[in-house]
Amino acid sequence: MSRDASEAAVVTRGLTKRFGRIVAVDHLDLTVRAGELYGFLGPNGAGKSTTLRMLCGILEPSEGEGSVLGIDLRRHPERVKSVIGYMSQRFSLYDDLTVQENLTFYARLYMVPRAQRSSRIDRMLRLADLVGRERQLAGELSGGYRQRLALVCALVHAPRLVFLDEPTAGVDPVSRRTFWALIRHLADEGTTILVTTHYMDEAELCDTLGFIYQGRLIAEGSPARIKTEAFTASVIELEADPLRAAAEALAEWDAVDEVARIGVRLRVIVAPGGPDVAAVTGFLGARGVRVGWARAVDPSVEDLFVSFVDKDRKARVREQLRALASPGP
C-alpha cells in the first residue's frame, strides 16, 4: 500500500521544533496511514515525545506543517486535541478517584453525550478487563492495571486516532504483553495508533516502524522489509572461552562492525561482505580462544536501529536502549 496523503491519518512536511539552539525535531516528513499501528522507535532524547506533542496540538512547531485527521496543526491545534486520544508517559490518573470515577471524569471532559456515557464506560471496563474493579481507587491498582485504565480513559470518546507515548515504561513483562494485546485489538478494529517505544520486542509488533535519531527520521518501513532491504550486514552469535578475550579480539577486527555481550554469548555484527561463521571461528581459534558454538542468526530490531547510527556511537546507543528496557530495581 502506498504511503500517500489521501489515505493518511497523520501527515507532516518539514516539521521542526527548536528549544533555543537545540533542534529537538529536525524537518520531519512523516505519513501514518489510517488504521495503521505505527511504532516510533529511538533512544531517549531522539525527538519522539516532542513529535507526539506537536501532533497532539500541545506544542507549536517552530517550522514546517502537518495535519492530523485532516486538521491543520498550526491553524487549529485545539480542534486536534478534541478528536484524538493521547496517553503520555506520565498519564494523570486521579489516585483518589475510583476506576469508575476516573472514566466518568474523562467521559465528561471529552464531552461524551450523556445518553452514550454509561454504555461507553461499560465497554471500556470490558476492554481493559477492569470489570469488578469499578470501585477500586486508581491509586491502589497495580502498574499494569493503571496503564490499562489510563489507555481506556484516552479511548472513552472513541477517537479514530490515538497517540501513546512510551505507554509501558516501567511495567512488568507480563503486563506489557497484555497491554500490547489490547493495542493490537484496537488497531485490528480500525483505530489508528502511533506509539513511541524503546522496547525492541514491542517494535516487532507494529505494522510500520519509524526510526528517529537526533530529531531525524533515519529509516522507515515494516519490520520485515527493513530487515531484508535496509540491513546489509550479517549477524553471528557464539559462545567462547574466555568470552572477554573473544570480545576484545573481535572488536579490534576491521571486518566486524560491533560486538555485544548478551549473557554468556556474543552477538557479532559483521560488515557487509565480511567473514562467515567458519572464518570468525578460525579467527578466534588462531588467537587461543575456544569457540563452543557459532551460528548465523536473523537481525533483531535492535540490530537494525543501531546499524543506522554512526559507528562511533553504536555501543553507546545500544547500551542506552538496553538500560531503558531493563526493569527497575
Protein backbone atom coordinates (compact mmCIF):
# COMPACT_ATOMS: atom_id res chain seq x y z
CA MET A 1 0.00 0.00 0.00
CA SER A 2 1.40 3.36 -0.97
CA ARG A 3 2.03 5.87 1.74
CA ASP A 4 0.17 8.78 0.11
CA ALA A 5 -1.58 11.58 1.94
CA SER A 6 -5.05 10.63 0.64
CA GLU A 7 -5.23 7.62 2.97
CA ALA A 8 -3.28 9.15 5.83
CA ALA A 9 -4.32 9.95 9.39
CA VAL A 10 -1.10 11.91 10.02
CA VAL A 11 1.00 13.87 7.53
CA THR A 12 3.94 16.17 8.30
CA ARG A 13 6.28 18.01 5.98
CA GLY A 14 9.45 19.60 7.33
CA LEU A 15 8.07 19.55 10.88
CA THR A 16 10.67 21.10 13.18
CA LYS A 17 10.85 22.03 16.86
CA ARG A 18 13.63 24.11 18.36
CA PHE A 19 14.23 24.92 22.01
CA GLY A 20 16.69 27.79 21.81
CA ARG A 21 19.70 26.42 19.95
CA ILE A 22 18.64 22.82 20.43
CA VAL A 23 16.85 21.20 17.48
CA ALA A 24 14.65 18.52 19.05
CA VAL A 25 12.84 17.56 15.82
CA ASP A 26 14.58 18.27 12.53
CA HIS A 27 12.46 18.67 9.36
CA LEU A 28 10.40 15.55 9.88
CA ASP A 29 8.42 14.12 6.95
CA LEU A 30 6.00 11.55 8.34
CA THR A 31 2.96 9.74 6.96
CA VAL A 32 0.82 7.40 9.06
CA ARG A 33 -1.93 5.52 7.24
CA ALA A 34 -5.44 5.35 8.61
CA GLY A 35 -5.91 2.12 10.58
CA GLU A 36 -2.17 1.57 10.99
CA LEU A 37 -0.21 0.62 14.10
CA TYR A 38 2.87 2.80 13.66
CA GLY A 39 5.84 2.41 16.01
CA PHE A 40 8.11 5.38 16.61
CA LEU A 41 11.43 3.98 17.78
CA GLY A 42 14.50 5.67 19.21
CA PRO A 43 16.60 6.26 22.33
CA ASN A 44 15.89 8.94 24.92
CA GLY A 45 16.32 12.43 23.51
CA ALA A 46 15.73 11.31 19.92
CA GLY A 47 12.67 13.53 19.49
CA LYS A 48 9.84 11.00 19.88
CA SER A 49 7.87 12.70 22.63
CA THR A 50 8.38 16.17 21.18
CA THR A 51 6.98 14.96 17.86
CA LEU A 52 3.91 13.49 19.56
CA ARG A 53 3.26 16.69 21.50
CA MET A 54 3.31 18.68 18.28
CA LEU A 55 0.97 16.18 16.61
CA CYS A 56 -1.40 16.44 19.58
CA GLY A 57 -1.55 20.24 19.37
CA ILE A 58 0.26 20.66 22.69
CA LEU A 59 3.48 22.15 21.28
CA GLU A 60 3.60 24.67 18.46
CA PRO A 61 6.03 23.72 15.67
CA SER A 62 8.95 26.06 15.02
CA GLU A 63 8.83 25.31 11.30
CA GLY A 64 7.06 23.09 8.78
CA GLU A 65 3.49 21.92 8.60
CA GLY A 66 1.30 18.96 9.41
CA SER A 67 -2.24 17.66 9.59
CA VAL A 68 -3.95 15.18 11.89
CA LEU A 69 -7.19 13.63 10.64
CA GLY A 70 -7.25 16.41 8.06
CA ILE A 71 -6.93 19.19 10.66
CA ASP A 72 -4.11 21.71 10.23
CA LEU A 73 -1.78 21.54 13.24
CA ARG A 74 -0.74 25.17 13.13
CA ARG A 75 -4.14 26.72 12.46
CA HIS A 76 -6.40 24.55 14.62
CA PRO A 77 -4.43 22.83 17.41
CA GLU A 78 -7.44 22.92 19.77
CA ARG A 79 -9.57 21.01 17.25
CA VAL A 80 -6.86 18.34 17.07
CA LYS A 81 -6.98 17.88 20.85
CA SER A 82 -10.73 17.22 20.77
CA VAL A 83 -10.67 14.39 18.20
CA ILE A 84 -7.66 12.32 19.27
CA GLY A 85 -6.74 10.18 22.25
CA TYR A 86 -3.42 10.86 23.99
CA MET A 87 -1.66 8.89 26.68
CA SER A 88 1.54 10.50 27.88
CA GLN A 89 4.48 8.92 29.71
CA ARG A 90 3.03 10.28 32.95
CA PHE A 91 -0.67 9.99 32.27
CA SER A 92 -2.53 11.71 35.11
CA LEU A 93 -5.00 9.34 36.66
CA TYR A 94 -6.63 10.65 39.79
CA ASP A 95 -5.43 8.30 42.51
CA ASP A 96 -8.16 9.34 44.95
CA LEU A 97 -10.91 8.54 42.43
CA THR A 98 -12.15 5.05 41.68
CA VAL A 99 -11.81 3.34 38.31
CA GLN A 100 -15.44 4.24 37.52
CA GLU A 101 -14.97 7.86 38.63
CA ASN A 102 -11.84 8.31 36.51
CA LEU A 103 -13.67 7.04 33.43
CA THR A 104 -16.67 9.25 34.18
CA PHE A 105 -14.43 12.29 34.60
CA TYR A 106 -12.73 11.76 31.23
CA ALA A 107 -16.03 10.98 29.51
CA ARG A 108 -17.29 14.37 30.67
CA LEU A 109 -14.01 16.08 29.80
CA TYR A 110 -14.22 14.73 26.24
CA MET A 111 -17.92 15.69 26.13
CA VAL A 112 -19.26 12.21 25.52
CA PRO A 113 -23.05 12.68 25.18
CA ARG A 114 -24.85 11.85 28.41
CA ALA A 115 -27.05 9.27 26.67
CA GLN A 116 -23.94 7.35 25.50
CA ARG A 117 -21.80 7.79 28.58
CA SER A 118 -22.86 4.72 30.56
CA SER A 119 -22.57 2.28 27.66
CA ARG A 120 -19.23 3.75 26.59
CA ILE A 121 -17.79 3.40 30.11
CA ASP A 122 -19.08 -0.17 30.36
CA ARG A 123 -17.35 -1.02 27.08
CA MET A 124 -14.07 0.49 28.31
CA LEU A 125 -14.27 -1.56 31.51
CA ARG A 126 -14.68 -4.75 29.50
CA LEU A 127 -11.99 -3.78 27.01
CA ALA A 128 -9.42 -3.25 29.77
CA ASP A 129 -10.59 -6.24 31.85
CA LEU A 130 -11.48 -3.91 34.71
CA VAL A 131 -14.95 -5.32 35.37
CA GLY A 132 -15.21 -5.96 39.11
CA ARG A 133 -12.70 -3.21 39.91
CA GLU A 134 -15.03 -0.27 39.29
CA ARG A 135 -14.97 0.85 42.94
CA GLN A 136 -11.23 0.35 43.46
CA LEU A 137 -9.19 3.51 43.85
CA ALA A 138 -6.85 4.14 40.92
CA GLY A 139 -4.01 4.64 43.38
CA GLU A 140 -4.45 1.07 44.61
CA LEU A 141 -4.16 -0.54 41.17
CA SER A 142 -1.03 -2.39 40.06
CA GLY A 143 1.14 -0.81 37.39
CA GLY A 144 -0.35 -2.94 34.62
CA TYR A 145 -3.95 -2.16 35.55
CA ARG A 146 -3.13 1.54 35.90
CA GLN A 147 -1.78 1.59 32.36
CA ARG A 148 -4.88 -0.16 31.05
CA LEU A 149 -7.11 2.32 32.87
CA ALA A 150 -5.05 5.21 31.51
CA LEU A 151 -5.47 3.84 27.99
CA VAL A 152 -9.24 3.44 28.15
CA CYS A 153 -9.58 6.91 29.69
CA ALA A 154 -7.92 8.16 26.47
CA LEU A 155 -10.32 5.99 24.42
CA VAL A 156 -13.60 6.73 26.16
CA HIS A 157 -14.69 9.26 23.50
CA ALA A 158 -14.00 6.71 20.69
CA PRO A 159 -11.24 8.62 18.87
CA ARG A 160 -10.17 7.43 15.41
CA LEU A 161 -6.53 8.20 16.22
CA VAL A 162 -4.61 7.51 19.44
CA PHE A 163 -1.12 8.67 20.42
CA LEU A 164 0.67 6.57 23.04
CA ASP A 165 3.94 7.92 24.42
CA GLU A 166 6.01 5.05 25.86
CA PRO A 167 2.86 3.56 27.42
CA THR A 168 4.56 0.55 29.04
CA ALA A 169 7.63 2.23 30.53
CA GLY A 170 8.32 0.67 33.93
CA VAL A 171 5.64 -2.03 33.55
CA ASP A 172 6.49 -5.70 34.10
CA PRO A 173 6.82 -8.02 31.04
CA VAL A 174 3.53 -9.86 31.61
CA SER A 175 1.58 -6.60 31.91
CA ARG A 176 3.35 -5.26 28.81
CA ARG A 177 2.25 -8.28 26.82
CA THR A 178 -1.36 -7.88 27.96
CA PHE A 179 -1.29 -4.16 27.18
CA TRP A 180 0.03 -4.80 23.68
CA ALA A 181 -2.63 -7.40 23.02
CA LEU A 182 -5.13 -4.65 23.77
CA ILE A 183 -3.35 -2.22 21.42
CA ARG A 184 -3.29 -4.80 18.64
CA HIS A 185 -7.02 -5.43 19.14
CA LEU A 186 -7.76 -1.72 18.76
CA ALA A 187 -5.67 -1.47 15.60
CA ASP A 188 -7.36 -4.53 14.11
CA GLU A 189 -10.71 -2.82 14.72
CA GLY A 190 -9.58 0.18 12.66
CA THR A 191 -8.18 2.62 15.21
CA THR A 192 -5.02 4.38 14.01
CA ILE A 193 -2.32 4.16 16.67
CA LEU A 194 1.02 5.94 16.80
CA VAL A 195 3.10 4.61 19.69
CA THR A 196 6.58 5.55 20.83
CA THR A 197 8.70 2.88 22.43
CA HIS A 198 12.26 1.92 23.24
CA TYR A 199 11.38 -1.75 23.75
CA MET A 200 12.61 -3.74 20.77
CA ASP A 201 10.16 -6.62 21.24
CA GLU A 202 7.27 -4.13 21.13
CA ALA A 203 8.61 -2.62 17.91
CA GLU A 204 8.33 -6.04 16.24
CA LEU A 205 4.54 -5.95 16.78
CA CYS A 206 3.98 -2.77 14.75
CA ASP A 207 2.80 -2.60 11.15
CA THR A 208 5.34 0.10 10.34
CA LEU A 209 8.41 1.37 12.16
CA GLY A 210 9.92 4.82 12.01
CA PHE A 211 13.48 5.05 13.37
CA ILE A 212 14.17 8.52 14.75
CA TYR A 213 17.62 9.65 15.86
CA GLN A 214 18.75 13.16 16.76
CA GLY A 215 15.40 14.52 15.62
CA ARG A 216 15.53 12.96 12.15
CA LEU A 217 13.67 10.03 10.62
CA ILE A 218 16.55 7.83 9.50
CA ALA A 219 14.64 4.74 8.32
CA GLU A 220 11.05 3.62 7.85
CA GLY A 221 9.16 0.50 6.82
CA SER A 222 7.68 -2.74 8.11
CA PRO A 223 9.97 -4.75 10.42
CA ALA A 224 10.29 -7.44 7.76
CA ARG A 225 11.05 -5.02 4.92
CA ILE A 226 13.68 -3.14 6.90
CA LYS A 227 15.36 -6.41 7.82
CA THR A 228 15.55 -7.58 4.23
CA GLU A 229 16.17 -4.30 2.42
CA ALA A 230 17.86 -1.91 4.83
CA PHE A 231 20.11 -4.25 6.82
CA THR A 232 23.02 -5.44 4.69
CA ALA A 233 25.30 -6.78 7.43
CA SER A 234 25.14 -10.30 8.87
CA VAL A 235 24.80 -11.37 12.49
CA ILE A 236 26.63 -14.22 14.21
CA GLU A 237 26.10 -15.44 17.76
CA LEU A 238 28.65 -17.58 19.57
CA GLU A 239 29.87 -18.92 22.87
CA ALA A 240 33.60 -18.80 23.52
CA ASP A 241 36.13 -19.30 26.29
CA PRO A 242 37.42 -16.94 27.51
CA LEU A 243 34.50 -14.72 26.50
CA ARG A 244 36.20 -11.44 27.30
CA ALA A 245 39.22 -12.26 25.17
CA ALA A 246 36.92 -13.21 22.29
CA ALA A 247 35.03 -9.92 22.56
CA GLU A 248 38.24 -7.87 22.64
CA ALA A 249 39.73 -9.69 19.66
CA LEU A 250 36.59 -9.34 17.55
CA ALA A 251 36.16 -5.66 18.47
CA GLU A 252 39.61 -4.93 17.00
CA TRP A 253 38.88 -6.74 13.73
CA ASP A 254 38.10 -4.33 10.89
CA ALA A 255 35.68 -6.84 9.36
CA VAL A 256 33.45 -6.62 12.45
CA ASP A 257 31.17 -3.62 12.95
CA GLU A 258 30.13 -4.35 16.50
CA VAL A 259 30.36 -6.91 19.30
CA ALA A 260 27.73 -7.07 22.02
CA ARG A 261 27.82 -9.36 25.03
CA ILE A 262 24.44 -10.95 25.84
CA GLY A 263 24.72 -13.07 28.95
CA VAL A 264 27.22 -15.88 28.25
CA ARG A 265 27.33 -15.35 24.48
CA LEU A 266 28.49 -12.75 21.99
CA ARG A 267 26.41 -11.15 19.25
CA VAL A 268 28.69 -10.14 16.38
CA ILE A 269 27.62 -7.73 13.64
CA VAL A 270 29.77 -8.46 10.60
CA ALA A 271 30.40 -5.79 8.00
CA PRO A 272 28.73 -6.34 4.59
CA GLY A 273 30.77 -8.84 2.60
CA GLY A 274 32.70 -9.79 5.72
CA PRO A 275 33.65 -13.17 7.21
CA ASP A 276 31.23 -16.06 7.67
CA VAL A 277 30.83 -18.31 10.72
CA ALA A 278 33.80 -20.51 9.81
CA ALA A 279 36.07 -17.50 9.31
CA VAL A 280 35.06 -15.99 12.66
CA THR A 281 35.66 -19.32 14.41
CA GLY A 282 39.06 -19.64 12.75
CA PHE A 283 39.98 -16.06 13.61
CA LEU A 284 39.31 -16.68 17.31
CA GLY A 285 40.99 -20.09 17.31
CA ALA A 286 44.18 -18.55 15.94
CA ARG A 287 44.19 -16.28 18.99
CA GLY A 288 43.81 -19.07 21.53
CA VAL A 289 40.07 -18.68 22.05
CA ARG A 290 37.98 -21.85 22.04
CA VAL A 291 34.59 -21.47 20.35
CA GLY A 292 31.90 -23.71 21.85
CA TRP A 293 29.39 -22.99 19.09
CA ALA A 294 28.74 -20.30 16.50
CA ARG A 295 25.84 -19.73 14.11
CA ALA A 296 24.36 -17.10 11.81
CA VAL A 297 21.12 -15.57 13.17
CA ASP A 298 18.48 -13.16 11.89
CA PRO A 299 18.96 -9.49 12.78
CA SER A 300 16.78 -8.09 15.54
CA VAL A 301 15.06 -4.71 15.52
CA GLU A 302 17.75 -3.54 17.93
CA ASP A 303 20.43 -4.55 15.40
CA LEU A 304 18.56 -2.62 12.72
CA PHE A 305 18.31 0.53 14.76
CA VAL A 306 21.91 0.52 15.90
CA SER A 307 23.08 -0.13 12.34
CA PHE A 308 21.67 3.24 11.28
CA VAL A 309 23.65 5.11 13.92
CA ASP A 310 27.15 6.49 13.37
CA LYS A 311 29.71 3.76 14.05
CA ASP A 312 31.42 5.61 16.92
CA ARG A 313 28.07 5.88 18.72
CA LYS A 314 26.84 2.32 18.20
CA ALA A 315 27.95 0.84 21.50
CA ARG A 316 26.70 3.83 23.50
CA VAL A 317 23.29 3.81 21.83
CA ARG A 318 22.83 0.05 22.28
CA GLU A 319 23.81 0.35 25.94
CA GLN A 320 21.27 3.17 26.37
CA LEU A 321 18.49 1.18 24.68
CA ARG A 322 19.15 -1.85 26.89
CA ALA A 323 19.30 0.27 30.04
CA LEU A 324 15.95 1.86 29.18
CA ALA A 325 14.35 -1.52 28.50
CA SER A 326 15.64 -3.13 31.68
CA PRO A 327 13.20 -3.42 34.60
CA GLY A 328 13.87 -1.14 37.51
CA PRO A 329 15.08 -2.27 40.93
